[in-house]
Protein backbone atom coordinates (compact mmCIF):
# COMPACT_ATOMS: atom_id res chain seq x y z
CA MET A 1 -19.48 30.40 5.15
CA THR A 2 -17.52 33.04 6.98
CA ASP A 3 -15.34 30.48 8.74
CA LEU A 4 -13.97 29.50 5.34
CA GLN A 5 -13.25 33.00 4.03
CA ARG A 6 -9.73 33.69 2.79
CA SER A 7 -8.62 30.14 3.44
CA LYS A 8 -5.96 28.56 1.22
CA LEU A 9 -6.07 24.89 0.19
CA LEU A 10 -3.05 23.28 -1.44
CA VAL A 11 -3.69 20.10 -3.47
CA THR A 12 -0.54 18.33 -4.58
CA ARG A 13 -1.85 16.41 -7.61
CA THR A 14 -4.73 16.18 -10.08
CA LEU A 15 -7.53 14.01 -8.69
CA PRO A 16 -9.81 11.48 -10.47
CA ARG A 17 -12.37 13.08 -12.78
CA LEU A 18 -15.38 13.47 -10.47
CA SER A 19 -13.33 14.77 -7.54
CA GLN A 20 -11.32 17.07 -9.79
CA ALA A 21 -14.60 18.53 -11.08
CA ARG A 22 -15.47 19.43 -7.46
CA LEU A 23 -12.16 21.21 -7.06
CA ASP A 24 -12.55 23.01 -10.37
CA LYS A 25 -16.00 24.21 -9.29
CA GLY A 26 -14.47 25.51 -6.08
CA PHE A 27 -15.63 25.91 -2.50
CA ASP A 28 -17.00 29.05 -0.84
CA GLY A 29 -14.26 31.07 0.79
CA VAL A 30 -11.46 28.76 -0.28
CA ASP A 31 -8.65 29.62 -2.65
CA ILE A 32 -7.36 26.42 -4.22
CA VAL A 33 -3.78 26.08 -5.34
CA GLN A 34 -3.09 22.83 -7.17
CA TRP A 35 -0.08 21.11 -8.69
CA LYS A 36 -1.49 19.64 -11.91
CA GLU A 37 1.55 18.17 -13.60
CA ASP A 38 1.51 14.39 -13.99
CA ARG A 39 4.39 13.82 -11.57
CA ALA A 40 5.03 14.23 -7.87
CA ILE A 41 5.36 17.84 -6.84
CA PRO A 42 9.08 18.75 -6.59
CA ARG A 43 10.21 19.46 -3.04
CA GLN A 44 11.13 23.10 -3.58
CA GLU A 45 7.85 23.75 -5.37
CA PHE A 46 5.99 22.06 -2.51
CA LEU A 47 7.71 24.26 0.05
CA LYS A 48 6.91 27.39 -1.96
CA LEU A 49 3.25 26.56 -2.63
CA ALA A 50 2.63 25.48 0.98
CA LYS A 51 3.29 28.99 2.29
CA GLY A 52 0.13 30.36 3.89
CA ALA A 53 -1.92 27.20 3.41
CA ASP A 54 -4.71 26.45 5.89
CA GLY A 55 -5.10 22.93 4.54
CA ILE A 56 -2.99 20.54 2.48
CA LEU A 57 -4.36 17.60 0.52
CA CYS A 58 -1.38 15.39 -0.25
CA LEU A 59 -0.39 11.94 -1.47
CA LEU A 60 1.89 9.27 -0.04
CA THR A 61 4.61 10.60 -2.37
CA ASP A 62 4.70 13.91 -0.49
CA LYS A 63 6.91 14.15 2.59
CA ILE A 64 5.22 16.06 5.38
CA ASP A 65 7.88 16.97 7.94
CA ALA A 66 9.04 19.89 10.09
CA GLU A 67 10.57 21.69 7.11
CA LEU A 68 7.32 21.57 5.17
CA LEU A 69 5.23 22.62 8.17
CA ASP A 70 7.59 25.53 8.87
CA ALA A 71 7.27 26.60 5.25
CA ALA A 72 3.46 26.44 5.46
CA GLY A 73 3.27 28.58 8.57
CA PRO A 74 1.40 28.55 11.90
CA GLN A 75 -2.03 28.99 10.31
CA LEU A 76 -1.98 25.43 8.90
CA LYS A 77 -4.89 23.49 10.42
CA VAL A 78 -5.06 20.18 8.59
CA VAL A 79 -3.13 17.74 6.45
CA SER A 80 -5.31 15.28 4.54
CA THR A 81 -3.49 12.41 2.85
CA MET A 82 -5.13 10.44 0.07
CA SER A 83 -3.93 7.16 1.56
CA VAL A 84 -4.52 4.83 4.47
CA GLY A 85 -0.86 4.68 5.47
CA TYR A 86 0.86 7.81 6.70
CA ASP A 87 4.50 6.83 7.08
CA HIS A 88 5.34 9.84 4.86
CA VAL A 89 4.03 12.14 7.62
CA THR A 90 5.95 13.07 10.76
CA VAL A 91 2.96 12.68 13.07
CA SER A 92 4.79 14.01 16.14
CA GLU A 93 5.37 17.33 14.37
CA LEU A 94 1.69 17.65 13.49
CA GLU A 95 0.64 16.81 17.03
CA ALA A 96 3.05 19.32 18.53
CA ARG A 97 1.54 22.03 16.32
CA LYS A 98 -2.06 20.85 16.84
CA ILE A 99 -2.51 20.14 13.13
CA ALA A 100 -5.14 17.50 12.29
CA LEU A 101 -4.25 14.53 10.09
CA GLY A 102 -6.85 12.81 7.94
CA ILE A 103 -6.55 9.48 6.11
CA THR A 104 -8.76 7.40 3.78
CA PRO A 105 -9.49 4.10 5.58
CA GLY A 106 -11.67 1.25 4.41
CA VAL A 107 -12.30 2.26 0.82
CA LEU A 108 -9.19 0.70 -0.71
CA THR A 109 -9.62 -2.67 1.00
CA GLU A 110 -11.31 -4.50 -1.87
CA ALA A 111 -9.07 -3.20 -4.64
CA THR A 112 -5.88 -3.93 -2.70
CA ALA A 113 -7.10 -7.40 -1.78
CA ASP A 114 -7.83 -8.06 -5.47
CA THR A 115 -4.28 -7.00 -6.35
CA THR A 116 -2.85 -9.23 -3.62
CA VAL A 117 -4.67 -12.28 -4.97
CA LEU A 118 -3.67 -11.31 -8.51
CA LEU A 119 -0.01 -11.40 -7.46
CA VAL A 120 -0.40 -14.65 -5.50
CA LEU A 121 -1.88 -16.41 -8.53
CA SER A 122 0.52 -14.79 -10.98
CA ALA A 123 3.58 -15.72 -8.94
CA ALA A 124 2.35 -19.23 -8.13
CA ARG A 125 1.51 -20.00 -11.77
CA ARG A 126 4.66 -18.35 -13.21
CA LEU A 127 2.69 -15.81 -15.23
CA ARG A 128 5.65 -13.58 -16.05
CA GLU A 129 7.62 -16.50 -17.47
CA GLY A 130 4.62 -17.65 -19.49
CA VAL A 131 3.95 -14.25 -21.03
CA ASP A 132 7.65 -13.79 -21.78
CA ALA A 133 7.73 -17.21 -23.48
CA VAL A 134 4.90 -16.21 -25.81
CA ILE A 135 6.42 -12.81 -26.65
CA GLN A 136 9.95 -14.14 -27.10
CA GLY A 137 8.95 -17.11 -29.26
CA LYS A 138 9.89 -19.73 -26.67
CA TRP A 139 6.46 -21.37 -26.74
CA GLY A 140 7.10 -24.81 -28.22
CA THR A 141 5.02 -27.95 -28.35
CA TRP A 142 2.98 -28.83 -25.26
CA SER A 143 5.08 -30.47 -22.55
CA PRO A 144 3.94 -32.18 -19.35
CA THR A 145 6.86 -30.70 -17.41
CA TRP A 146 7.17 -27.15 -18.79
CA LEU A 147 6.35 -24.07 -16.65
CA LEU A 148 4.87 -26.02 -13.78
CA GLY A 149 3.61 -23.76 -11.06
CA SER A 150 1.71 -24.53 -7.88
CA GLN A 151 -1.92 -24.30 -6.86
CA LEU A 152 -3.50 -23.20 -3.60
CA THR A 153 -5.52 -26.33 -2.93
CA ASP A 154 -4.69 -27.79 0.50
CA LYS A 155 -1.97 -25.20 1.12
CA THR A 156 -1.21 -23.10 4.22
CA VAL A 157 -1.41 -19.34 3.74
CA GLY A 158 0.33 -16.98 6.16
CA ILE A 159 -1.06 -13.46 6.52
CA VAL A 160 1.01 -10.83 8.27
CA GLY A 161 -1.50 -8.26 9.48
CA LEU A 162 -5.09 -9.54 9.71
CA GLY A 163 -6.72 -6.14 9.39
CA ARG A 164 -9.33 -5.12 6.81
CA ILE A 165 -7.14 -5.95 3.84
CA GLY A 166 -5.82 -9.16 5.41
CA VAL A 167 -9.36 -10.38 6.02
CA ALA A 168 -10.43 -9.50 2.47
CA VAL A 169 -7.42 -11.40 1.10
CA ALA A 170 -8.23 -14.45 3.22
CA LYS A 171 -11.85 -14.46 2.03
CA ARG A 172 -10.73 -14.46 -1.58
CA LEU A 173 -8.04 -17.10 -1.17
CA LYS A 174 -10.35 -19.40 0.78
CA ALA A 175 -12.30 -19.94 -2.44
CA PHE A 176 -9.20 -21.53 -3.98
CA GLY A 177 -9.23 -24.42 -1.53
CA VAL A 178 -6.71 -23.19 1.04
CA GLN A 179 -6.47 -25.74 3.82
CA LYS A 180 -5.36 -23.44 6.65
CA PHE A 181 -4.61 -19.84 7.44
CA VAL A 182 -1.98 -18.79 9.95
CA TYR A 183 -1.53 -15.15 10.83
CA HIS A 184 0.66 -12.86 12.89
CA GLY A 185 0.06 -9.40 14.30
CA THR A 186 -0.22 -7.51 17.54
CA ARG A 187 -2.93 -9.83 18.93
CA PRO A 188 -5.31 -12.67 18.04
CA LYS A 189 -8.41 -11.55 16.16
CA LYS A 190 -11.19 -14.05 16.79
CA ASP A 191 -13.88 -11.91 15.12
CA ALA A 192 -11.82 -11.75 11.93
CA GLU A 193 -11.30 -15.51 12.04
CA LYS A 194 -15.05 -16.09 12.31
CA GLU A 195 -15.73 -13.63 9.50
CA VAL A 196 -13.54 -15.61 7.10
CA GLY A 197 -14.30 -19.08 8.45
CA GLY A 198 -12.23 -22.21 8.01
CA GLU A 199 -9.11 -23.22 9.91
CA PHE A 200 -7.28 -20.23 11.41
CA GLU A 201 -4.45 -19.96 13.91
CA PHE A 202 -2.62 -17.00 15.44
CA VAL A 203 1.09 -17.87 15.51
CA ASP A 204 4.46 -16.30 16.21
CA MET A 205 6.43 -14.93 13.29
CA ASP A 206 8.96 -17.75 13.13
CA ARG A 207 6.26 -20.36 12.82
CA LEU A 208 4.45 -18.40 10.11
CA LEU A 209 7.67 -18.09 8.11
CA LYS A 210 8.46 -21.80 8.40
CA GLU A 211 5.01 -23.31 7.82
CA SER A 212 3.45 -21.10 5.13
CA ASP A 213 3.26 -22.10 1.48
CA VAL A 214 2.10 -18.57 0.65
CA ILE A 215 2.89 -15.42 2.63
CA CYS A 216 0.87 -12.24 2.13
CA VAL A 217 2.13 -9.02 3.72
CA CYS A 218 -0.82 -6.82 4.70
CA CYS A 219 0.48 -4.89 7.73
CA ALA A 220 1.32 -1.23 8.28
CA LEU A 221 4.84 0.17 8.05
CA THR A 222 6.03 1.33 11.47
CA ASP A 223 9.35 1.62 13.25
CA LYS A 224 8.79 -1.92 14.55
CA THR A 225 7.88 -3.46 11.19
CA LYS A 226 10.41 -1.68 8.99
CA ASN A 227 12.65 -4.22 7.19
CA MET A 228 11.00 -7.09 9.08
CA PHE A 229 11.38 -9.25 6.00
CA ASN A 230 15.16 -9.45 5.77
CA TYR A 231 17.57 -12.15 4.60
CA GLU A 232 17.23 -13.99 7.91
CA ALA A 233 13.44 -14.06 7.56
CA PHE A 234 13.60 -15.25 3.95
CA SER A 235 16.04 -17.98 4.97
CA LYS A 236 13.41 -19.43 7.32
CA MET A 237 10.80 -19.78 4.58
CA LYS A 238 10.19 -22.84 2.44
CA ASP A 239 12.19 -22.70 -0.79
CA THR A 240 8.89 -23.14 -2.63
CA VAL A 241 7.14 -20.23 -0.87
CA VAL A 242 5.09 -17.64 -2.74
CA PHE A 243 5.89 -14.29 -1.10
CA VAL A 244 3.65 -11.30 -1.86
CA ASN A 245 3.85 -7.74 -0.57
CA THR A 246 1.14 -5.19 -1.38
CA ALA A 247 1.53 -3.11 1.80
CA ARG A 248 4.67 -0.92 1.88
CA GLY A 249 8.07 -1.42 0.31
CA GLY A 250 9.82 -0.50 3.55
CA LEU A 251 8.60 -3.71 5.18
CA VAL A 252 11.12 -5.61 3.05
CA GLU A 253 14.88 -5.25 3.32
CA GLN A 254 15.34 -5.29 -0.43
CA ASP A 255 19.02 -6.29 -0.56
CA GLY A 256 18.12 -9.29 1.59
CA LEU A 257 15.30 -10.19 -0.80
CA ILE A 258 17.63 -9.97 -3.80
CA ARG A 259 20.19 -12.17 -2.03
CA ALA A 260 17.53 -14.74 -1.17
CA LEU A 261 16.31 -14.81 -4.79
CA ARG A 262 19.85 -15.08 -6.05
CA GLU A 263 20.46 -18.09 -3.79
CA GLY A 264 17.20 -19.82 -4.73
CA LYS A 265 15.70 -19.57 -1.25
CA LEU A 266 12.25 -18.51 -2.51
CA GLY A 267 9.81 -20.11 -4.92
CA SER A 268 8.32 -16.94 -6.36
CA VAL A 269 7.75 -13.32 -5.40
CA GLY A 270 5.04 -10.77 -6.21
CA LEU A 271 5.55 -7.11 -5.29
CA ASP A 272 3.29 -4.09 -5.73
CA VAL A 273 5.55 -1.93 -3.54
CA THR A 274 9.30 -1.41 -3.55
CA VAL A 275 12.06 0.87 -2.29
CA PRO A 276 12.45 3.20 -4.04
CA GLU A 277 9.38 3.90 -6.10
CA PRO A 278 9.57 3.93 -9.03
CA LEU A 279 12.01 1.03 -9.07
CA PRO A 280 15.02 1.75 -11.33
CA THR A 281 14.94 -0.27 -14.54
CA ASP A 282 18.42 -1.62 -13.77
CA SER A 283 17.35 -3.05 -10.38
CA GLU A 284 18.46 -6.64 -9.97
CA LEU A 285 14.95 -7.46 -8.75
CA LEU A 286 13.76 -7.21 -12.35
CA SER A 287 16.27 -9.80 -13.53
CA PHE A 288 14.65 -12.72 -11.72
CA PRO A 289 12.06 -14.57 -13.83
CA ASN A 290 10.28 -15.70 -10.65
CA CYS A 291 9.77 -12.14 -9.38
CA ILE A 292 6.81 -10.07 -10.61
CA VAL A 293 6.86 -6.33 -9.84
CA LEU A 294 3.86 -4.03 -10.31
CA PRO A 295 4.03 -0.21 -10.16
CA HIS A 296 2.10 0.29 -6.88
CA ILE A 297 -1.37 -0.15 -8.37
CA GLY A 298 -2.95 -1.87 -5.34
CA SER A 299 -5.77 0.66 -5.00
CA GLY A 300 -5.69 1.51 -8.70
CA THR A 301 -9.33 1.31 -9.71
CA LEU A 302 -11.43 4.29 -10.73
CA GLU A 303 -13.98 3.45 -8.05
CA THR A 304 -11.44 3.23 -5.24
CA ARG A 305 -9.33 6.24 -6.17
CA THR A 306 -12.47 8.37 -6.52
CA ALA A 307 -13.68 7.27 -3.08
CA MET A 308 -10.25 8.02 -1.61
CA SER A 309 -10.12 11.49 -3.11
CA GLU A 310 -13.65 12.29 -1.92
CA ILE A 311 -12.75 11.33 1.64
CA ALA A 312 -9.54 13.37 1.41
CA ILE A 313 -11.53 16.41 0.28
CA GLU A 314 -14.05 16.06 3.11
CA ASN A 315 -11.22 15.67 5.64
CA VAL A 316 -9.39 18.78 4.49
CA LEU A 317 -12.52 20.96 4.28
CA SER A 318 -13.59 19.90 7.79
CA GLY A 319 -10.12 20.68 9.10
CA ILE A 320 -10.06 24.11 7.51
CA LYS A 321 -13.39 24.88 9.20
CA GLY A 322 -12.03 23.72 12.53
CA GLU A 323 -14.42 20.77 12.66
CA ARG A 324 -13.64 17.19 13.60
CA LEU A 325 -12.31 15.25 10.65
CA PRO A 326 -14.61 12.49 9.33
CA HIS A 327 -11.61 10.13 9.18
CA PRO A 328 -8.76 11.18 11.50
CA HIS A 329 -5.61 9.07 11.57
CA ASP A 330 -6.01 8.13 15.23
CA GLU A 331 -9.56 6.78 15.06
């Protein structure tokens, strides 16, 4: 494979077992440099190791910007991120330098949808408070009024972003007797509505905020959606709402969320993503018994992470060879 000779591939983290075995075996004509410590690669180390790379396989924790691309050099052909979202990448810089960008679409849909439903049910049924009661010895005799949560039967669920994950979430929640789905996004999606079935309606954001008993955030983080869930948005919701975000932390203006929780404007909250990540242990978010925070494990199954890493490998190898990426970001 002469077109791969003397190529350098930088991988910024250890991959799941099967994919890591592929890297350890190596690829013809490719020198692999890999950061194998169990933490995000430090910035200065990233800049140093990127020098001379023809391809970079990175994670969403790795900032890909002009400084990094300058450090890598003009020979860089491809950046392959092991994620669907790419808000950590300055796309305009890659495009200006004709560097391909690969992502891992589709494969994390099911796992992330599972996590979304997990948080909906956990928040609605006050799981954190229940577990804490058992651990802290607060579990007394059975009471007809203690730790009453809410169920999904006959409720209205609002989905912000009816893409692959949004559809998968709706399919799962439908089984719990949801009466109606309302959704908001860039446009109505009749095919998605038919795929899920049941009562669906495309609505403006204000109506979704006001009418939903449960709100699931499943949209991408962009300049337009950043901080879209702020104090004003939370103030429009029902004070019994179950609010769940498994997309990106930057979609939520976190100080506004904390204020809304402090003032009792929300029923319960489930988060798999925050700003920053990891969330400091002294964050006020963790002080609210009706707020459950997970450590960004939405796609955290062995099956999904292996599929993601395999796609990321194929993307970066194709880019190094100058071939079209199997999964480019703009497809």
